[in-house]
Amino acid sequence: MGCPRCGSHQVQVVSESETKGFGAGKGCLGYLIFGPIGFLCGLCGMGKSKSTVFRICASCGFRFK
């Protein structure tokens, strides 16, 4: 597969993962509005991750899927 921008065949496949953690601000706001239940609900979304795979051209640096 070649780069759609420059046509080079020097393309690397890269995987990037992002982990969402518990936000202290959201937990405190949930606690102020809903009490301890709001704080516990904020903990439910802790540790979820999302992985994205894309390609990077070594010649021009263009990122594409």
N, C-alpha and C. Protein backbone atom coordinates (compact mmCIF):
# COMPACT_ATOMS: atom_id res chain seq x y z
N MET A 1 0.85 -1.18 0.00
CA MET A 1 0.00 0.00 0.00
C MET A 1 0.90 1.24 0.00
N GLY A 2 0.55 2.21 -0.77
CA GLY A 2 1.33 3.44 -0.84
C GLY A 2 0.62 4.59 -0.16
N CYS A 3 1.36 5.63 0.09
CA CYS A 3 0.82 6.84 0.72
C CYS A 3 -0.09 7.56 -0.27
N PRO A 4 -1.30 7.94 0.14
CA PRO A 4 -2.19 8.65 -0.78
C PRO A 4 -1.73 10.07 -1.09
N ARG A 5 -0.86 10.62 -0.27
CA ARG A 5 -0.40 11.99 -0.51
C ARG A 5 0.80 12.03 -1.46
N CYS A 6 1.87 11.25 -1.13
CA CYS A 6 3.10 11.35 -1.93
C CYS A 6 3.37 10.11 -2.78
N GLY A 7 2.64 9.00 -2.55
CA GLY A 7 2.82 7.79 -3.33
C GLY A 7 3.96 6.89 -2.87
N SER A 8 4.64 7.23 -1.80
CA SER A 8 5.74 6.43 -1.29
C SER A 8 5.23 5.11 -0.72
N HIS A 9 6.05 4.06 -0.81
CA HIS A 9 5.69 2.76 -0.26
C HIS A 9 6.35 2.50 1.09
N GLN A 10 6.96 3.51 1.68
CA GLN A 10 7.57 3.40 3.00
C GLN A 10 6.52 3.80 4.05
N VAL A 11 5.63 2.85 4.34
CA VAL A 11 4.50 3.10 5.24
C VAL A 11 4.61 2.18 6.44
N GLN A 12 4.39 2.72 7.62
CA GLN A 12 4.42 1.94 8.86
C GLN A 12 3.02 1.88 9.45
N VAL A 13 2.65 0.71 9.97
CA VAL A 13 1.36 0.54 10.65
C VAL A 13 1.60 0.77 12.13
N VAL A 14 0.78 1.65 12.74
CA VAL A 14 0.95 2.03 14.14
C VAL A 14 -0.37 1.81 14.87
N SER A 15 -0.29 1.28 16.07
CA SER A 15 -1.45 1.10 16.93
C SER A 15 -1.31 2.04 18.12
N GLU A 16 -2.35 2.79 18.40
CA GLU A 16 -2.33 3.75 19.50
C GLU A 16 -3.52 3.44 20.41
N SER A 17 -3.26 3.33 21.70
CA SER A 17 -4.35 3.07 22.64
C SER A 17 -4.48 4.21 23.63
N GLU A 18 -5.70 4.47 24.00
CA GLU A 18 -6.00 5.55 24.93
C GLU A 18 -6.84 4.98 26.06
N THR A 19 -6.42 5.23 27.29
CA THR A 19 -7.15 4.74 28.45
C THR A 19 -7.79 5.92 29.17
N LYS A 20 -9.07 5.81 29.37
CA LYS A 20 -9.78 6.85 30.10
C LYS A 20 -9.84 6.46 31.57
N GLY A 21 -9.48 7.37 32.39
CA GLY A 21 -9.49 7.10 33.82
C GLY A 21 -10.58 7.89 34.52
N PHE A 22 -10.59 7.78 35.80
CA PHE A 22 -11.57 8.49 36.61
C PHE A 22 -11.13 9.94 36.76
N GLY A 23 -12.00 10.86 36.46
CA GLY A 23 -11.68 12.27 36.62
C GLY A 23 -12.09 12.76 37.99
N ALA A 24 -11.15 13.33 38.71
CA ALA A 24 -11.42 13.81 40.06
C ALA A 24 -12.48 14.91 40.05
N GLY A 25 -12.44 15.75 39.03
CA GLY A 25 -13.43 16.82 38.93
C GLY A 25 -14.84 16.29 38.74
N LYS A 26 -14.98 15.27 37.90
CA LYS A 26 -16.30 14.68 37.66
C LYS A 26 -16.80 13.95 38.91
N GLY A 27 -15.88 13.29 39.61
CA GLY A 27 -16.27 12.58 40.83
C GLY A 27 -16.73 13.54 41.91
N CYS A 28 -16.02 14.66 42.06
CA CYS A 28 -16.41 15.65 43.08
C CYS A 28 -17.73 16.31 42.73
N LEU A 29 -17.91 16.60 41.44
CA LEU A 29 -19.18 17.20 41.01
C LEU A 29 -20.33 16.23 41.21
N GLY A 30 -20.10 14.96 40.87
CA GLY A 30 -21.13 13.94 41.11
C GLY A 30 -21.46 13.80 42.58
N TYR A 31 -20.44 13.90 43.42
CA TYR A 31 -20.65 13.80 44.86
C TYR A 31 -21.46 14.99 45.38
N LEU A 32 -21.14 16.19 44.87
CA LEU A 32 -21.87 17.38 45.32
C LEU A 32 -23.33 17.35 44.89
N ILE A 33 -23.59 16.83 43.69
CA ILE A 33 -24.97 16.81 43.18
C ILE A 33 -25.76 15.62 43.71
N PHE A 34 -25.17 14.42 43.65
CA PHE A 34 -25.91 13.21 43.99
C PHE A 34 -25.44 12.51 45.26
N GLY A 35 -24.43 13.03 45.91
CA GLY A 35 -23.92 12.41 47.12
C GLY A 35 -23.01 11.24 46.80
N PRO A 36 -22.89 10.29 47.71
CA PRO A 36 -21.99 9.15 47.50
C PRO A 36 -22.33 8.32 46.26
N ILE A 37 -23.60 8.27 45.89
CA ILE A 37 -24.00 7.52 44.69
C ILE A 37 -23.37 8.15 43.45
N GLY A 38 -23.30 9.46 43.37
CA GLY A 38 -22.67 10.15 42.24
C GLY A 38 -21.19 9.85 42.14
N PHE A 39 -20.53 9.75 43.28
CA PHE A 39 -19.11 9.40 43.29
C PHE A 39 -18.90 7.98 42.79
N LEU A 40 -19.73 7.04 43.23
CA LEU A 40 -19.62 5.66 42.79
C LEU A 40 -19.92 5.51 41.31
N CYS A 41 -20.85 6.27 40.79
CA CYS A 41 -21.14 6.24 39.35
C CYS A 41 -19.95 6.74 38.54
N GLY A 42 -19.21 7.67 39.07
CA GLY A 42 -18.00 8.14 38.41
C GLY A 42 -16.93 7.07 38.34
N LEU A 43 -16.89 6.19 39.32
CA LEU A 43 -15.91 5.10 39.32
C LEU A 43 -16.24 4.02 38.30
N CYS A 44 -17.49 3.93 37.85
CA CYS A 44 -17.89 2.88 36.90
C CYS A 44 -17.16 3.00 35.57
N GLY A 45 -16.84 4.20 35.11
CA GLY A 45 -16.18 4.38 33.83
C GLY A 45 -14.67 4.31 33.90
N MET A 46 -14.13 3.91 35.00
CA MET A 46 -12.68 3.92 35.22
C MET A 46 -11.99 2.77 34.47
N GLY A 47 -10.90 3.09 33.77
CA GLY A 47 -10.06 2.07 33.15
C GLY A 47 -10.50 1.57 31.78
N LYS A 48 -11.43 2.20 31.10
CA LYS A 48 -11.83 1.76 29.78
C LYS A 48 -10.80 2.25 28.77
N SER A 49 -10.47 1.38 27.80
CA SER A 49 -9.46 1.77 26.82
C SER A 49 -10.02 1.64 25.41
N LYS A 50 -9.43 2.42 24.50
CA LYS A 50 -9.83 2.44 23.11
C LYS A 50 -8.57 2.35 22.26
N SER A 51 -8.54 1.45 21.28
CA SER A 51 -7.37 1.26 20.45
C SER A 51 -7.67 1.71 19.02
N THR A 52 -6.72 2.42 18.40
CA THR A 52 -6.86 2.91 17.04
C THR A 52 -5.65 2.46 16.24
N VAL A 53 -5.90 1.92 15.03
CA VAL A 53 -4.81 1.50 14.15
C VAL A 53 -4.80 2.43 12.94
N PHE A 54 -3.64 2.96 12.59
CA PHE A 54 -3.50 3.83 11.43
C PHE A 54 -2.13 3.64 10.82
N ARG A 55 -1.91 4.25 9.67
CA ARG A 55 -0.63 4.15 8.96
C ARG A 55 0.02 5.52 8.89
N ILE A 56 1.36 5.52 8.93
CA ILE A 56 2.13 6.76 8.83
C ILE A 56 3.14 6.59 7.70
N CYS A 57 3.20 7.55 6.80
CA CYS A 57 4.18 7.55 5.72
C CYS A 57 5.52 8.02 6.29
N ALA A 58 6.58 7.23 6.03
CA ALA A 58 7.91 7.58 6.53
C ALA A 58 8.52 8.74 5.74
N SER A 59 8.02 8.98 4.53
CA SER A 59 8.58 10.05 3.69
C SER A 59 8.02 11.42 4.03
N CYS A 60 6.69 11.51 4.09
CA CYS A 60 6.08 12.83 4.29
C CYS A 60 5.40 13.00 5.65
N GLY A 61 5.21 11.90 6.44
CA GLY A 61 4.60 12.00 7.76
C GLY A 61 3.08 12.02 7.77
N PHE A 62 2.46 11.77 6.62
CA PHE A 62 0.99 11.80 6.52
C PHE A 62 0.40 10.60 7.28
N ARG A 63 -0.64 10.85 8.09
CA ARG A 63 -1.34 9.80 8.85
C ARG A 63 -2.63 9.48 8.12
N PHE A 64 -2.89 8.19 7.91
CA PHE A 64 -4.13 7.77 7.25
C PHE A 64 -4.50 6.39 7.73
N LYS A 65 -5.75 5.98 7.46
CA LYS A 65 -6.25 4.66 7.87
C LYS A 65 -6.16 3.68 6.75
